[in-house]
Amino acid sequence: MSSFTDSERDIAGRTKLGRKAVLFVAWIGGYLLGAFAWLVRAPLLQFIGSLGLSSDASQGLVAGLFGSSVMVVGVLVWSFLSSPSGVAA
């Protein structure tokens, strides 16, 4: 027997995530991606610097790469969670 009411489920019968849960998951995901970016930044900056770009340009490229990755992952997760069948269109 389920402890969730009908108002806590979506059309497909899955349990809806509350706002606090969504914010918590987004916070944890952002934190983990940021920590990963910090770990790989030094070798990545060295590689980009070896291509002849300045330090500022290299840092900008790395920041843009990880920022855009966070957005793409966020949109894909949102698309998957908001589709009625659970399959992103």
PDB file of N, CA and C in Angstrom:
ATOM      1  N   MET A   1       0.843  -1.181   0.000  1.00  0.00           N
ATOM      2  CA  MET A   1       0.000   0.000   0.000  1.00  0.00           C
ATOM      3  C   MET A   1       0.884   1.239   0.000  1.00  0.00           C
ATOM      4  N   SER A   2       0.532   2.207  -0.833  1.00  0.00           N
ATOM      5  CA  SER A   2       1.321   3.426  -0.981  1.00  0.00           C
ATOM      6  C   SER A   2       0.904   4.478   0.038  1.00  0.00           C
ATOM      7  N   SER A   3       1.884   5.233   0.510  1.00  0.00           N
ATOM      8  CA  SER A   3       1.586   6.304   1.457  1.00  0.00           C
ATOM      9  C   SER A   3       1.367   7.634   0.748  1.00  0.00           C
ATOM     10  N   PHE A   4       1.393   7.648  -0.577  1.00  0.00           N
ATOM     11  CA  PHE A   4       1.204   8.880  -1.325  1.00  0.00           C
ATOM     12  C   PHE A   4      -0.244   9.023  -1.747  1.00  0.00           C
ATOM     13  N   THR A   5      -0.759  10.254  -1.694  1.00  0.00           N
ATOM     14  CA  THR A   5      -2.124  10.522  -2.140  1.00  0.00           C
ATOM     15  C   THR A   5      -2.124  10.716  -3.646  1.00  0.00           C
ATOM     16  N   ASP A   6      -3.330  10.736  -4.238  1.00  0.00           N
ATOM     17  CA  ASP A   6      -3.438  10.920  -5.682  1.00  0.00           C
ATOM     18  C   ASP A   6      -2.885  12.276  -6.125  1.00  0.00           C
ATOM     19  N   SER A   7      -2.979  13.298  -5.277  1.00  0.00           N
ATOM     20  CA  SER A   7      -2.473  14.628  -5.656  1.00  0.00           C
ATOM     21  C   SER A   7      -0.946  14.668  -5.664  1.00  0.00           C
ATOM     22  N   GLU A   8      -0.289  13.676  -5.065  1.00  0.00           N
ATOM     23  CA  GLU A   8       1.171  13.623  -5.051  1.00  0.00           C
ATOM     24  C   GLU A   8       1.722  12.773  -6.183  1.00  0.00           C
ATOM     25  N   ARG A   9       0.870  12.352  -7.094  1.00  0.00           N
ATOM     26  CA  ARG A   9       1.305  11.535  -8.224  1.00  0.00           C
ATOM     27  C   ARG A   9       0.985  12.251  -9.521  1.00  0.00           C
ATOM     28  N   ASP A  10       1.787  11.990 -10.563  1.00  0.00           N
ATOM     29  CA  ASP A  10       1.533  12.599 -11.860  1.00  0.00           C
ATOM     30  C   ASP A  10       0.620  11.692 -12.681  1.00  0.00           C
ATOM     31  N   ILE A  11       0.438  12.049 -13.937  1.00  0.00           N
ATOM     32  CA  ILE A  11      -0.481  11.320 -14.813  1.00  0.00           C
ATOM     33  C   ILE A  11      -0.070   9.861 -14.968  1.00  0.00           C
ATOM     34  N   ALA A  12       1.220   9.596 -15.040  1.00  0.00           N
ATOM     35  CA  ALA A  12       1.710   8.233 -15.249  1.00  0.00           C
ATOM     36  C   ALA A  12       1.739   7.428 -13.952  1.00  0.00           C
ATOM     37  N   GLY A  13       1.367   8.039 -12.828  1.00  0.00           N
ATOM     38  CA  GLY A  13       1.343   7.318 -11.563  1.00  0.00           C
ATOM     39  C   GLY A  13       2.633   7.404 -10.772  1.00  0.00           C
ATOM     40  N   ARG A  14       3.614   8.168 -11.282  1.00  0.00           N
ATOM     41  CA  ARG A  14       4.864   8.330 -10.548  1.00  0.00           C
ATOM     42  C   ARG A  14       4.690   9.365  -9.453  1.00  0.00           C
ATOM     43  N   THR A  15       5.485   9.255  -8.416  1.00  0.00           N
ATOM     44  CA  THR A  15       5.447  10.214  -7.327  1.00  0.00           C
ATOM     45  C   THR A  15       6.092  11.518  -7.786  1.00  0.00           C
ATOM     46  N   LYS A  16       5.396  12.637  -7.535  1.00  0.00           N
ATOM     47  CA  LYS A  16       5.944  13.938  -7.885  1.00  0.00           C
ATOM     48  C   LYS A  16       6.988  14.348  -6.857  1.00  0.00           C
ATOM     49  N   LEU A  17       8.032  15.015  -7.323  1.00  0.00           N
ATOM     50  CA  LEU A  17       9.016  15.579  -6.411  1.00  0.00           C
ATOM     51  C   LEU A  17       8.533  16.948  -5.961  1.00  0.00           C
ATOM     52  N   GLY A  18       8.644  17.231  -4.688  1.00  0.00           N
ATOM     53  CA  GLY A  18       8.289  18.541  -4.179  1.00  0.00           C
ATOM     54  C   GLY A  18       9.361  19.557  -4.538  1.00  0.00           C
ATOM     55  N   ARG A  19       9.046  20.832  -4.332  1.00  0.00           N
ATOM     56  CA  ARG A  19       9.996  21.892  -4.663  1.00  0.00           C
ATOM     57  C   ARG A  19      11.277  21.769  -3.863  1.00  0.00           C
ATOM     58  N   LYS A  20      11.153  21.442  -2.586  1.00  0.00           N
ATOM     59  CA  LYS A  20      12.351  21.314  -1.753  1.00  0.00           C
ATOM     60  C   LYS A  20      13.238  20.178  -2.244  1.00  0.00           C
ATOM     61  N   ALA A  21      12.646  19.075  -2.648  1.00  0.00           N
ATOM     62  CA  ALA A  21      13.429  17.941  -3.147  1.00  0.00           C
ATOM     63  C   ALA A  21      14.127  18.299  -4.449  1.00  0.00           C
ATOM     64  N   VAL A  22      13.425  19.005  -5.346  1.00  0.00           N
ATOM     65  CA  VAL A  22      14.024  19.407  -6.621  1.00  0.00           C
ATOM     66  C   VAL A  22      15.182  20.363  -6.380  1.00  0.00           C
ATOM     67  N   LEU A  23      15.000  21.340  -5.493  1.00  0.00           N
ATOM     68  CA  LEU A  23      16.077  22.281  -5.184  1.00  0.00           C
ATOM     69  C   LEU A  23      17.266  21.574  -4.557  1.00  0.00           C
ATOM     70  N   PHE A  24      16.996  20.611  -3.679  1.00  0.00           N
ATOM     71  CA  PHE A  24      18.074  19.867  -3.040  1.00  0.00           C
ATOM     72  C   PHE A  24      18.860  19.058  -4.064  1.00  0.00           C
ATOM     73  N   VAL A  25      18.166  18.387  -4.958  1.00  0.00           N
ATOM     74  CA  VAL A  25      18.833  17.590  -5.995  1.00  0.00           C
ATOM     75  C   VAL A  25      19.646  18.493  -6.921  1.00  0.00           C
ATOM     76  N   ALA A  26      19.093  19.664  -7.299  1.00  0.00           N
ATOM     77  CA  ALA A  26      19.823  20.598  -8.148  1.00  0.00           C
ATOM     78  C   ALA A  26      21.058  21.129  -7.422  1.00  0.00           C
ATOM     79  N   TRP A  27      20.936  21.397  -6.139  1.00  0.00           N
ATOM     80  CA  TRP A  27      22.070  21.892  -5.355  1.00  0.00           C
ATOM     81  C   TRP A  27      23.178  20.845  -5.284  1.00  0.00           C
ATOM     82  N   ILE A  28      22.807  19.605  -4.965  1.00  0.00           N
ATOM     83  CA  ILE A  28      23.797  18.529  -4.875  1.00  0.00           C
ATOM     84  C   ILE A  28      24.453  18.290  -6.237  1.00  0.00           C
ATOM     85  N   GLY A  29      23.653  18.269  -7.295  1.00  0.00           N
ATOM     86  CA  GLY A  29      24.209  18.070  -8.635  1.00  0.00           C
ATOM     87  C   GLY A  29      25.169  19.178  -9.022  1.00  0.00           C
ATOM     88  N   GLY A  30      24.802  20.423  -8.757  1.00  0.00           N
ATOM     89  CA  GLY A  30      25.685  21.545  -9.044  1.00  0.00           C
ATOM     90  C   GLY A  30      26.964  21.496  -8.234  1.00  0.00           C
ATOM     91  N   TYR A  31      26.838  21.103  -6.969  1.00  0.00           N
ATOM     92  CA  TYR A  31      28.019  20.989  -6.112  1.00  0.00           C
ATOM     93  C   TYR A  31      28.976  19.919  -6.649  1.00  0.00           C
ATOM     94  N   LEU A  32      28.434  18.769  -6.998  1.00  0.00           N
ATOM     95  CA  LEU A  32      29.274  17.685  -7.503  1.00  0.00           C
ATOM     96  C   LEU A  32      29.948  18.057  -8.819  1.00  0.00           C
ATOM     97  N   LEU A  33      29.205  18.709  -9.719  1.00  0.00           N
ATOM     98  CA  LEU A  33      29.809  19.131 -10.984  1.00  0.00           C
ATOM     99  C   LEU A  33      30.875  20.200 -10.751  1.00  0.00           C
ATOM    100  N   GLY A  34      30.632  21.099  -9.811  1.00  0.00           N
ATOM    101  CA  GLY A  34      31.632  22.113  -9.486  1.00  0.00           C
ATOM    102  C   GLY A  34      32.893  21.506  -8.897  1.00  0.00           C
ATOM    103  N   ALA A  35      32.721  20.521  -8.021  1.00  0.00           N
ATOM    104  CA  ALA A  35      33.881  19.847  -7.432  1.00  0.00           C
ATOM    105  C   ALA A  35      34.657  19.095  -8.510  1.00  0.00           C
ATOM    106  N   PHE A  36      33.966  18.464  -9.421  1.00  0.00           N
ATOM    107  CA  PHE A  36      34.628  17.770 -10.526  1.00  0.00           C
ATOM    108  C   PHE A  36      35.382  18.758 -11.413  1.00  0.00           C
ATOM    109  N   ALA A  37      34.750  19.894 -11.695  1.00  0.00           N
ATOM    110  CA  ALA A  37      35.410  20.913 -12.516  1.00  0.00           C
ATOM    111  C   ALA A  37      36.676  21.415 -11.834  1.00  0.00           C
ATOM    112  N   TRP A  38      36.643  21.570 -10.530  1.00  0.00           N
ATOM    113  CA  TRP A  38      37.818  22.028  -9.804  1.00  0.00           C
ATOM    114  C   TRP A  38      38.945  20.985  -9.890  1.00  0.00           C
ATOM    115  N   LEU A  39      38.596  19.721  -9.837  1.00  0.00           N
ATOM    116  CA  LEU A  39      39.608  18.669  -9.899  1.00  0.00           C
ATOM    117  C   LEU A  39      40.295  18.596 -11.267  1.00  0.00           C
ATOM    118  N   VAL A  40      39.546  18.824 -12.319  1.00  0.00           N
ATOM    119  CA  VAL A  40      40.116  18.667 -13.656  1.00  0.00           C
ATOM    120  C   VAL A  40      40.574  19.984 -14.272  1.00  0.00           C
ATOM    121  N   ARG A  41      40.413  21.103 -13.579  1.00  0.00           N
ATOM    122  CA  ARG A  41      40.728  22.394 -14.172  1.00  0.00           C
ATOM    123  C   ARG A  41      42.207  22.567 -14.488  1.00  0.00           C
ATOM    124  N   ALA A  42      43.113  22.141 -13.597  1.00  0.00           N
ATOM    125  CA  ALA A  42      44.548  22.368 -13.825  1.00  0.00           C
ATOM    126  C   ALA A  42      45.045  21.661 -15.086  1.00  0.00           C
ATOM    127  N   PRO A  43      44.800  20.356 -15.257  1.00  0.00           N
ATOM    128  CA  PRO A  43      45.269  19.712 -16.493  1.00  0.00           C
ATOM    129  C   PRO A  43      44.580  20.262 -17.737  1.00  0.00           C
ATOM    130  N   LEU A  44      43.301  20.605 -17.599  1.00  0.00           N
ATOM    131  CA  LEU A  44      42.570  21.143 -18.739  1.00  0.00           C
ATOM    132  C   LEU A  44      43.103  22.521 -19.122  1.00  0.00           C
ATOM    133  N   LEU A  45      43.398  23.357 -18.129  1.00  0.00           N
ATOM    134  CA  LEU A  45      43.970  24.672 -18.410  1.00  0.00           C
ATOM    135  C   LEU A  45      45.352  24.553 -19.051  1.00  0.00           C
ATOM    136  N   GLN A  46      46.145  23.593 -18.598  1.00  0.00           N
ATOM    137  CA  GLN A  46      47.463  23.381 -19.197  1.00  0.00           C
ATOM    138  C   GLN A  46      47.335  22.969 -20.656  1.00  0.00           C
ATOM    139  N   PHE A  47      46.387  22.071 -20.930  1.00  0.00           N
ATOM    140  CA  PHE A  47      46.180  21.618 -22.305  1.00  0.00           C
ATOM    141  C   PHE A  47      45.732  22.771 -23.192  1.00  0.00           C
ATOM    142  N   ILE A  48      44.743  23.532 -22.739  1.00  0.00           N
ATOM    143  CA  ILE A  48      44.246  24.652 -23.545  1.00  0.00           C
ATOM    144  C   ILE A  48      45.342  25.704 -23.716  1.00  0.00           C
ATOM    145  N   GLY A  49      46.133  25.943 -22.652  1.00  0.00           N
ATOM    146  CA  GLY A  49      47.236  26.887 -22.751  1.00  0.00           C
ATOM    147  C   GLY A  49      48.284  26.456 -23.757  1.00  0.00           C
ATOM    148  N   SER A  50      48.466  25.148 -23.899  1.00  0.00           N
ATOM    149  CA  SER A  50      49.445  24.648 -24.865  1.00  0.00           C
ATOM    150  C   SER A  50      49.007  24.897 -26.306  1.00  0.00           C
ATOM    151  N   LEU A  51      47.737  25.223 -26.496  1.00  0.00           N
ATOM    152  CA  LEU A  51      47.240  25.524 -27.840  1.00  0.00           C
ATOM    153  C   LEU A  51      47.531  26.964 -28.236  1.00  0.00           C
ATOM    154  N   GLY A  52      48.110  27.745 -27.299  1.00  0.00           N
ATOM    155  CA  GLY A  52      48.498  29.109 -27.621  1.00  0.00           C
ATOM    156  C   GLY A  52      47.545  30.176 -27.118  1.00  0.00           C
ATOM    157  N   LEU A  53      46.558  29.808 -26.331  1.00  0.00           N
ATOM    158  CA  LEU A  53      45.624  30.806 -25.801  1.00  0.00           C
ATOM    159  C   LEU A  53      46.157  31.392 -24.507  1.00  0.00           C
ATOM    160  N   SER A  54      45.720  32.601 -24.204  1.00  0.00           N
ATOM    161  CA  SER A  54      46.140  33.242 -22.958  1.00  0.00           C
ATOM    162  C   SER A  54      45.464  32.559 -21.767  1.00  0.00           C
ATOM    163  N   SER A  55      45.959  32.853 -20.574  1.00  0.00           N
ATOM    164  CA  SER A  55      45.411  32.264 -19.359  1.00  0.00           C
ATOM    165  C   SER A  55      43.949  32.661 -19.157  1.00  0.00           C
ATOM    166  N   ASP A  56      43.633  33.932 -19.432  1.00  0.00           N
ATOM    167  CA  ASP A  56      42.251  34.392 -19.278  1.00  0.00           C
ATOM    168  C   ASP A  56      41.307  33.685 -20.257  1.00  0.00           C
ATOM    169  N   ALA A  57      41.754  33.541 -21.495  1.00  0.00           N
ATOM    170  CA  ALA A  57      40.929  32.857 -22.492  1.00  0.00           C
ATOM    171  C   ALA A  57      40.739  31.386 -22.117  1.00  0.00           C
ATOM    172  N   SER A  58      41.783  30.761 -21.614  1.00  0.00           N
ATOM    173  CA  SER A  58      41.690  29.358 -21.203  1.00  0.00           C
ATOM    174  C   SER A  58      40.690  29.198 -20.064  1.00  0.00           C
ATOM    175  N   GLN A  59      40.775  30.079 -19.065  1.00  0.00           N
ATOM    176  CA  GLN A  59      39.849  30.017 -17.929  1.00  0.00           C
ATOM    177  C   GLN A  59      38.420  30.271 -18.381  1.00  0.00           C
ATOM    178  N   GLY A  60      38.235  31.202 -19.313  1.00  0.00           N
ATOM    179  CA  GLY A  60      36.901  31.468 -19.846  1.00  0.00           C
ATOM    180  C   GLY A  60      36.323  30.276 -20.578  1.00  0.00           C
ATOM    181  N   LEU A  61      37.154  29.592 -21.360  1.00  0.00           N
ATOM    182  CA  LEU A  61      36.689  28.399 -22.069  1.00  0.00           C
ATOM    183  C   LEU A  61      36.283  27.285 -21.113  1.00  0.00           C
ATOM    184  N   VAL A  62      37.074  27.088 -20.065  1.00  0.00           N
ATOM    185  CA  VAL A  62      36.758  26.038 -19.089  1.00  0.00           C
ATOM    186  C   VAL A  62      35.472  26.379 -18.342  1.00  0.00           C
ATOM    187  N   ALA A  63      35.326  27.634 -17.927  1.00  0.00           N
ATOM    188  CA  ALA A  63      34.105  28.047 -17.228  1.00  0.00           C
ATOM    189  C   ALA A  63      32.878  27.890 -18.126  1.00  0.00           C
ATOM    190  N   GLY A  64      33.008  28.272 -19.389  1.00  0.00           N
ATOM    191  CA  GLY A  64      31.901  28.127 -20.328  1.00  0.00           C
ATOM    192  C   GLY A  64      31.547  26.668 -20.588  1.00  0.00           C
ATOM    193  N   LEU A  65      32.569  25.830 -20.693  1.00  0.00           N
ATOM    194  CA  LEU A  65      32.346  24.403 -20.923  1.00  0.00           C
ATOM    195  C   LEU A  65      31.547  23.778 -19.778  1.00  0.00           C
ATOM    196  N   PHE A  66      31.991  24.029 -18.557  1.00  0.00           N
ATOM    197  CA  PHE A  66      31.290  23.426 -17.429  1.00  0.00           C
ATOM    198  C   PHE A  66      29.936  24.074 -17.176  1.00  0.00           C
ATOM    199  N   GLY A  67      29.832  25.372 -17.386  1.00  0.00           N
ATOM    200  CA  GLY A  67      28.537  26.039 -17.223  1.00  0.00           C
ATOM    201  C   GLY A  67      27.507  25.522 -18.213  1.00  0.00           C
ATOM    202  N   SER A  68      27.918  25.375 -19.462  1.00  0.00           N
ATOM    203  CA  SER A  68      26.983  24.870 -20.466  1.00  0.00           C
ATOM    204  C   SER A  68      26.638  23.404 -20.212  1.00  0.00           C
ATOM    205  N   SER A  69      27.591  22.641 -19.696  1.00  0.00           N
ATOM    206  CA  SER A  69      27.311  21.235 -19.366  1.00  0.00           C
ATOM    207  C   SER A  69      26.254  21.131 -18.275  1.00  0.00           C
ATOM    208  N   VAL A  70      26.359  21.994 -17.278  1.00  0.00           N
ATOM    209  CA  VAL A  70      25.367  21.996 -16.201  1.00  0.00           C
ATOM    210  C   VAL A  70      23.986  22.309 -16.770  1.00  0.00           C
ATOM    211  N   MET A  71      23.900  23.282 -17.661  1.00  0.00           N
ATOM    212  CA  MET A  71      22.604  23.642 -18.234  1.00  0.00           C
ATOM    213  C   MET A  71      22.024  22.508 -19.082  1.00  0.00           C
ATOM    214  N   VAL A  72      22.855  21.869 -19.886  1.00  0.00           N
ATOM    215  CA  VAL A  72      22.363  20.779 -20.741  1.00  0.00           C
ATOM    216  C   VAL A  72      21.858  19.626 -19.880  1.00  0.00           C
ATOM    217  N   VAL A  73      22.611  19.252 -18.870  1.00  0.00           N
ATOM    218  CA  VAL A  73      22.187  18.171 -17.977  1.00  0.00           C
ATOM    219  C   VAL A  73      20.896  18.565 -17.262  1.00  0.00           C
ATOM    220  N   GLY A  74      20.812  19.795 -16.797  1.00  0.00           N
ATOM    221  CA  GLY A  74      19.597  20.254 -16.123  1.00  0.00           C
ATOM    222  C   GLY A  74      18.374  20.209 -17.017  1.00  0.00           C
ATOM    223  N   VAL A  75      18.511  20.652 -18.260  1.00  0.00           N
ATOM    224  CA  VAL A  75      17.382  20.630 -19.187  1.00  0.00           C
ATOM    225  C   VAL A  75      16.990  19.194 -19.530  1.00  0.00           C
ATOM    226  N   LEU A  76      17.966  18.315 -19.708  1.00  0.00           N
ATOM    227  CA  LEU A  76      17.645  16.915 -20.008  1.00  0.00           C
ATOM    228  C   LEU A  76      16.918  16.254 -18.846  1.00  0.00           C
ATOM    229  N   VAL A  77      17.366  16.497 -17.629  1.00  0.00           N
ATOM    230  CA  VAL A  77      16.699  15.926 -16.454  1.00  0.00           C
ATOM    231  C   VAL A  77      15.290  16.488 -16.334  1.00  0.00           C
ATOM    232  N   TRP A  78      15.146  17.798 -16.508  1.00  0.00           N
ATOM    233  CA  TRP A  78      13.824  18.422 -16.433  1.00  0.00           C
ATOM    234  C   TRP A  78      12.896  17.853 -17.502  1.00  0.00           C
ATOM    235  N   SER A  79      13.422  17.675 -18.718  1.00  0.00           N
ATOM    236  CA  SER A  79      12.622  17.122 -19.810  1.00  0.00           C
ATOM    237  C   SER A  79      12.168  15.700 -19.487  1.00  0.00           C
ATOM    238  N   PHE A  80      13.081  14.909 -18.941  1.00  0.00           N
ATOM    239  CA  PHE A  80      12.733  13.525 -18.605  1.00  0.00           C
ATOM    240  C   PHE A  80      11.694  13.473 -17.491  1.00  0.00           C
ATOM    241  N   LEU A  81      11.875  14.296 -16.458  1.00  0.00           N
ATOM    242  CA  LEU A  81      10.962  14.254 -15.311  1.00  0.00           C
ATOM    243  C   LEU A  81       9.596  14.863 -15.606  1.00  0.00           C
ATOM    244  N   SER A  82       9.523  15.777 -16.594  1.00  0.00           N
ATOM    245  CA  SER A  82       8.253  16.428 -16.847  1.00  0.00           C
ATOM    246  C   SER A  82       7.441  15.752 -17.929  1.00  0.00           C
ATOM    247  N   SER A  83       8.016  14.797 -18.645  1.00  0.00           N
ATOM    248  CA  SER A  83       7.240  14.122 -19.688  1.00  0.00           C
ATOM    249  C   SER A  83       6.340  13.071 -19.056  1.00  0.00           C
ATOM    250  N   PRO A  84       5.112  12.942 -19.537  1.00  0.00           N
ATOM    251  CA  PRO A  84       4.147  12.014 -18.921  1.00  0.00           C
ATOM    252  C   PRO A  84       4.598  10.562 -18.937  1.00  0.00           C
ATOM    253  N   SER A  85       5.302  10.143 -19.984  1.00  0.00           N
ATOM    254  CA  SER A  85       5.690   8.743 -20.074  1.00  0.00           C
ATOM    255  C   SER A  85       7.041   8.445 -19.452  1.00  0.00           C
ATOM    256  N   GLY A  86       7.757   9.502 -19.040  1.00  0.00           N
ATOM    257  CA  GLY A  86       9.074   9.303 -18.474  1.00  0.00           C
ATOM    258  C   GLY A  86      10.168   9.180 -19.505  1.00  0.00           C
ATOM    259  N   VAL A  87       9.807   9.377 -20.785  1.00  0.00           N
ATOM    260  CA  VAL A  87      10.777   9.325 -21.868  1.00  0.00           C
ATOM    261  C   VAL A  87      10.811  10.693 -22.506  1.00  0.00           C
ATOM    262  N   ALA A  88      11.984  11.292 -22.535  1.00  0.00           N
ATOM    263  CA  ALA A  88      12.112  12.636 -23.127  1.00  0.00           C
ATOM    264  C   ALA A  88      11.789  12.571 -24.612  1.00  0.00           C
ATOM    265  N   ALA A  89      11.037  13.557 -25.074  1.00  0.00           N
ATOM    266  CA  ALA A  89      10.631  13.586 -26.485  1.00  0.00           C
ATOM    267  C   ALA A  89      11.725  14.140 -27.356  1.00  0.00           C
TER     268      ALA A  89
END
